[in-house]
C-alpha atoms as a PDB file:
ATOM      1  CA  UNK A   1      27.509  33.030 -24.005  1.00  0.00           C
ATOM      2  CA  UNK A   2      24.347  32.976 -25.758  1.00  0.00           C
ATOM      3  CA  UNK A   3      21.416  31.328 -23.891  1.00  0.00           C
ATOM      4  CA  UNK A   4      17.525  30.829 -24.419  1.00  0.00           C
ATOM      5  CA  UNK A   5      15.660  30.434 -21.288  1.00  0.00           C
ATOM      6  CA  UNK A   6      12.353  28.988 -21.160  1.00  0.00           C
ATOM      7  CA  UNK A   7       9.412  30.652 -19.284  1.00  0.00           C
ATOM      8  CA  UNK A   8       9.042  28.254 -16.480  1.00  0.00           C
ATOM      9  CA  UNK A   9      12.733  28.985 -15.466  1.00  0.00           C
ATOM     10  CA  UNK A  10      12.209  32.626 -15.480  1.00  0.00           C
ATOM     11  CA  UNK A  11       8.879  32.580 -13.782  1.00  0.00           C
ATOM     12  CA  UNK A  12      10.240  30.160 -10.937  1.00  0.00           C
ATOM     13  CA  UNK A  13      13.307  32.189 -10.708  1.00  0.00           C
ATOM     14  CA  UNK A  14      10.999  35.201 -10.022  1.00  0.00           C
ATOM     15  CA  UNK A  15       8.893  33.750  -7.620  1.00  0.00           C
ATOM     16  CA  UNK A  16      11.181  31.449  -5.645  1.00  0.00           C
ATOM     17  CA  UNK A  17      14.593  33.328  -5.833  1.00  0.00           C
ATOM     18  CA  UNK A  18      16.414  31.010  -3.508  1.00  0.00           C
ATOM     19  CA  UNK A  19      16.334  27.931  -5.745  1.00  0.00           C
ATOM     20  CA  UNK A  20      18.487  27.335  -8.915  1.00  0.00           C
ATOM     21  CA  UNK A  21      15.956  29.088 -11.241  1.00  0.00           C
ATOM     22  CA  UNK A  22      16.562  32.303  -9.037  1.00  0.00           C
ATOM     23  CA  UNK A  23      20.541  31.768  -9.301  1.00  0.00           C
ATOM     24  CA  UNK A  24      20.087  31.693 -13.220  1.00  0.00           C
ATOM     25  CA  UNK A  25      18.159  34.991 -12.885  1.00  0.00           C
ATOM     26  CA  UNK A  26      21.081  36.458 -10.704  1.00  0.00           C
ATOM     27  CA  UNK A  27      23.565  35.116 -13.151  1.00  0.00           C
ATOM     28  CA  UNK A  28      21.663  37.071 -15.834  1.00  0.00           C
ATOM     29  CA  UNK A  29      21.467  40.172 -13.715  1.00  0.00           C
ATOM     30  CA  UNK A  30      25.145  39.993 -13.239  1.00  0.00           C
ATOM     31  CA  UNK A  31      25.915  39.902 -17.076  1.00  0.00           C
ATOM     32  CA  UNK A  32      27.591  36.308 -16.907  1.00  0.00           C
ATOM     33  CA  UNK A  33      25.604  35.285 -20.166  1.00  0.00           C
ATOM     34  CA  UNK A  34      23.348  36.925 -22.967  1.00  0.00           C
ATOM     35  CA  UNK A  35      19.832  35.898 -22.937  1.00  0.00           C
ATOM     36  CA  UNK A  36      18.492  35.327 -26.476  1.00  0.00           C
ATOM     37  CA  UNK A  37      14.606  36.092 -26.569  1.00  0.00           C
ATOM     38  CA  UNK A  38      12.094  36.442 -29.500  1.00  0.00           C
ATOM     39  CA  UNK A  39       8.959  38.547 -29.567  1.00  0.00           C
ATOM     40  CA  UNK A  40       6.733  35.243 -28.870  1.00  0.00           C
ATOM     41  CA  UNK A  41       9.060  34.160 -25.866  1.00  0.00           C
ATOM     42  CA  UNK A  42       8.866  37.530 -24.287  1.00  0.00           C
ATOM     43  CA  UNK A  43       5.171  37.924 -24.760  1.00  0.00           C
ATOM     44  CA  UNK A  44       4.568  34.463 -23.057  1.00  0.00           C
ATOM     45  CA  UNK A  45       6.603  35.963 -19.891  1.00  0.00           C
ATOM     46  CA  UNK A  46       4.201  38.942 -19.920  1.00  0.00           C
ATOM     47  CA  UNK A  47       1.048  36.706 -20.228  1.00  0.00           C
ATOM     48  CA  UNK A  48       2.127  34.042 -17.714  1.00  0.00           C
ATOM     49  CA  UNK A  49       3.138  36.476 -14.942  1.00  0.00           C
ATOM     50  CA  UNK A  50      -0.150  38.778 -15.844  1.00  0.00           C
ATOM     51  CA  UNK A  51      -2.502  35.821 -15.119  1.00  0.00           C
ATOM     52  CA  UNK A  52      -4.609  36.543 -11.749  1.00  0.00           C
ATOM     53  CA  UNK A  53      -3.494  33.142 -10.496  1.00  0.00           C
ATOM     54  CA  UNK A  54       0.209  34.085 -10.524  1.00  0.00           C
ATOM     55  CA  UNK A  55      -0.564  37.914  -9.183  1.00  0.00           C
ATOM     56  CA  UNK A  56      -2.460  36.543  -6.174  1.00  0.00           C
ATOM     57  CA  UNK A  57      -0.758  33.316  -5.173  1.00  0.00           C
ATOM     58  CA  UNK A  58       2.805  34.733  -5.665  1.00  0.00           C
ATOM     59  CA  UNK A  59       2.057  38.502  -5.065  1.00  0.00           C
ATOM     60  CA  UNK A  60       3.497  39.307  -8.471  1.00  0.00           C
ATOM     61  CA  UNK A  61       3.084  42.736  -9.058  1.00  0.00           C
ATOM     62  CA  UNK A  62       3.117  44.835 -12.501  1.00  0.00           C
ATOM     63  CA  UNK A  63       6.423  46.207 -11.386  1.00  0.00           C
ATOM     64  CA  UNK A  64       7.901  42.671 -11.029  1.00  0.00           C
ATOM     65  CA  UNK A  65       7.092  41.819 -14.674  1.00  0.00           C
ATOM     66  CA  UNK A  66       8.339  45.106 -15.713  1.00  0.00           C
ATOM     67  CA  UNK A  67      11.601  44.704 -14.080  1.00  0.00           C
ATOM     68  CA  UNK A  68      11.953  40.951 -15.645  1.00  0.00           C
ATOM     69  CA  UNK A  69      11.332  42.241 -19.068  1.00  0.00           C
ATOM     70  CA  UNK A  70      13.800  45.060 -18.559  1.00  0.00           C
ATOM     71  CA  UNK A  71      16.524  42.820 -17.428  1.00  0.00           C
ATOM     72  CA  UNK A  72      15.785  40.537 -20.026  1.00  0.00           C
ATOM     73  CA  UNK A  73      15.954  43.570 -22.667  1.00  0.00           C
ATOM     74  CA  UNK A  74      19.048  45.030 -20.911  1.00  0.00           C
ATOM     75  CA  UNK A  75      21.283  41.592 -20.612  1.00  0.00           C
ATOM     76  CA  UNK A  76      19.608  40.314 -23.968  1.00  0.00           C
ATOM     77  CA  UNK A  77      19.541  40.051 -27.580  1.00  0.00           C
ATOM     78  CA  UNK A  78      16.369  39.967 -29.501  1.00  0.00           C
ATOM     79  CA  UNK A  79      16.139  37.426 -32.395  1.00  0.00           C
ATOM     80  CA  UNK A  80      13.776  36.835 -35.070  1.00  0.00           C
ATOM     81  CA  UNK A  81      13.270  33.280 -36.157  1.00  0.00           C
ATOM     82  CA  UNK A  82      13.642  32.676 -39.849  1.00  0.00           C
ATOM     83  CA  UNK A  83      12.466  29.242 -39.699  1.00  0.00           C
ATOM     84  CA  UNK A  84       9.484  27.466 -38.052  1.00  0.00           C
ATOM     85  CA  UNK A  85      10.395  24.474 -35.903  1.00  0.00           C
ATOM     86  CA  UNK A  86       7.931  21.717 -35.059  1.00  0.00           C
ATOM     87  CA  UNK A  87      10.161  19.121 -33.626  1.00  0.00           C
ATOM     88  CA  UNK A  88       8.985  19.370 -29.808  1.00  0.00           C
ATOM     89  CA  UNK A  89       6.386  16.999 -28.717  1.00  0.00           C
ATOM     90  CA  UNK A  90       4.563  20.122 -27.054  1.00  0.00           C
ATOM     91  CA  UNK A  91       3.895  22.527 -29.945  1.00  0.00           C
ATOM     92  CA  UNK A  92       3.847  25.474 -27.284  1.00  0.00           C
ATOM     93  CA  UNK A  93       7.646  24.909 -26.633  1.00  0.00           C
ATOM     94  CA  UNK A  94       8.769  25.241 -30.376  1.00  0.00           C
ATOM     95  CA  UNK A  95       9.305  28.842 -29.937  1.00  0.00           C
ATOM     96  CA  UNK A  96      12.319  28.353 -27.627  1.00  0.00           C
ATOM     97  CA  UNK A  97      13.858  26.139 -30.137  1.00  0.00           C
ATOM     98  CA  UNK A  98      13.086  28.483 -32.764  1.00  0.00           C
ATOM     99  CA  UNK A  99      14.969  31.243 -30.845  1.00  0.00           C
ATOM    100  CA  UNK A 100      17.727  28.998 -29.902  1.00  0.00           C
ATOM    101  CA  UNK A 101      18.466  28.146 -33.578  1.00  0.00           C
ATOM    102  CA  UNK A 102      17.882  31.915 -34.861  1.00  0.00           C
ATOM    103  CA  UNK A 103      20.225  33.177 -32.119  1.00  0.00           C
ATOM    104  CA  UNK A 104      22.868  30.593 -32.538  1.00  0.00           C
ATOM    105  CA  UNK A 105      22.460  29.646 -28.943  1.00  0.00           C
ATOM    106  CA  UNK A 106      25.196  28.108 -26.979  1.00  0.00           C
ATOM    107  CA  UNK A 107      22.662  26.514 -24.502  1.00  0.00           C
ATOM    108  CA  UNK A 108      18.797  26.210 -24.041  1.00  0.00           C
ATOM    109  CA  UNK A 109      17.839  26.262 -20.330  1.00  0.00           C
ATOM    110  CA  UNK A 110      14.509  24.558 -19.401  1.00  0.00           C
ATOM    111  CA  UNK A 111      12.767  22.699 -16.411  1.00  0.00           C
ATOM    112  CA  UNK A 112      10.424  21.287 -18.966  1.00  0.00           C
ATOM    113  CA  UNK A 113      10.735  17.491 -19.796  1.00  0.00           C
ATOM    114  CA  UNK A 114       9.399  18.198 -23.433  1.00  0.00           C
ATOM    115  CA  UNK A 115      12.660  20.175 -24.229  1.00  0.00           C
ATOM    116  CA  UNK A 116      14.980  18.405 -21.712  1.00  0.00           C
ATOM    117  CA  UNK A 117      14.061  15.178 -23.798  1.00  0.00           C
ATOM    118  CA  UNK A 118      15.515  16.733 -26.799  1.00  0.00           C
ATOM    119  CA  UNK A 119      19.134  17.237 -25.430  1.00  0.00           C
ATOM    120  CA  UNK A 120      20.902  18.149 -27.734  1.00  0.00           C
ATOM    121  CA  UNK A 121      18.892  19.933 -30.209  1.00  0.00           C
ATOM    122  CA  UNK A 122      20.665  20.679 -33.533  1.00  0.00           C
ATOM    123  CA  UNK A 123      23.965  20.288 -31.340  1.00  0.00           C
ATOM    124  CA  UNK A 124      22.530  22.875 -28.926  1.00  0.00           C
ATOM    125  CA  UNK A 125      22.659  21.579 -25.394  1.00  0.00           C
ATOM    126  CA  UNK A 126      19.138  21.650 -23.602  1.00  0.00           C
ATOM    127  CA  UNK A 127      20.192  22.059 -19.630  1.00  0.00           C
ATOM    128  CA  UNK A 128      18.291  22.178 -16.660  1.00  0.00           C
ATOM    129  CA  UNK A 129      18.972  25.263 -14.355  1.00  0.00           C
ATOM    130  CA  UNK A 130      21.281  23.164 -11.998  1.00  0.00           C
ATOM    131  CA  UNK A 131      23.210  21.640 -15.104  1.00  0.00           C
ATOM    132  CA  UNK A 132      23.567  25.154 -16.486  1.00  0.00           C
ATOM    133  CA  UNK A 133      24.636  26.574 -13.356  1.00  0.00           C
ATOM    134  CA  UNK A 134      27.560  23.944 -13.220  1.00  0.00           C
ATOM    135  CA  UNK A 135      28.538  25.536 -16.697  1.00  0.00           C
ATOM    136  CA  UNK A 136      28.670  28.932 -15.889  1.00  0.00           C
END
């Protein structure tokens, strides 16, 4: 199963491992699906988790960021979007749609209403973490 997971789910899973996003991360760690990522989506994770706000409020350490990136690379597949997508009402979320299309994703998992409202996107189901956990 090939899945794009947006940054909000990954960040939530790291800082609150007991909830559904944390379960999604555990499923990734256990190899239950392949995460698809582009350079742009991976860099967003690093930038968001590297912000002083996150580091102070949630005690996110450099090692935590490195571990998450390593997990994504270990259990994932890098994709290079060949076409630009401009369909999302939040332009910052188009990178996840691009990765999903480029990687022929089976699912896009998001906690973002801008992406969830697009379900399905080009026949790719856009699911919340709870919905995705029901699938796997």
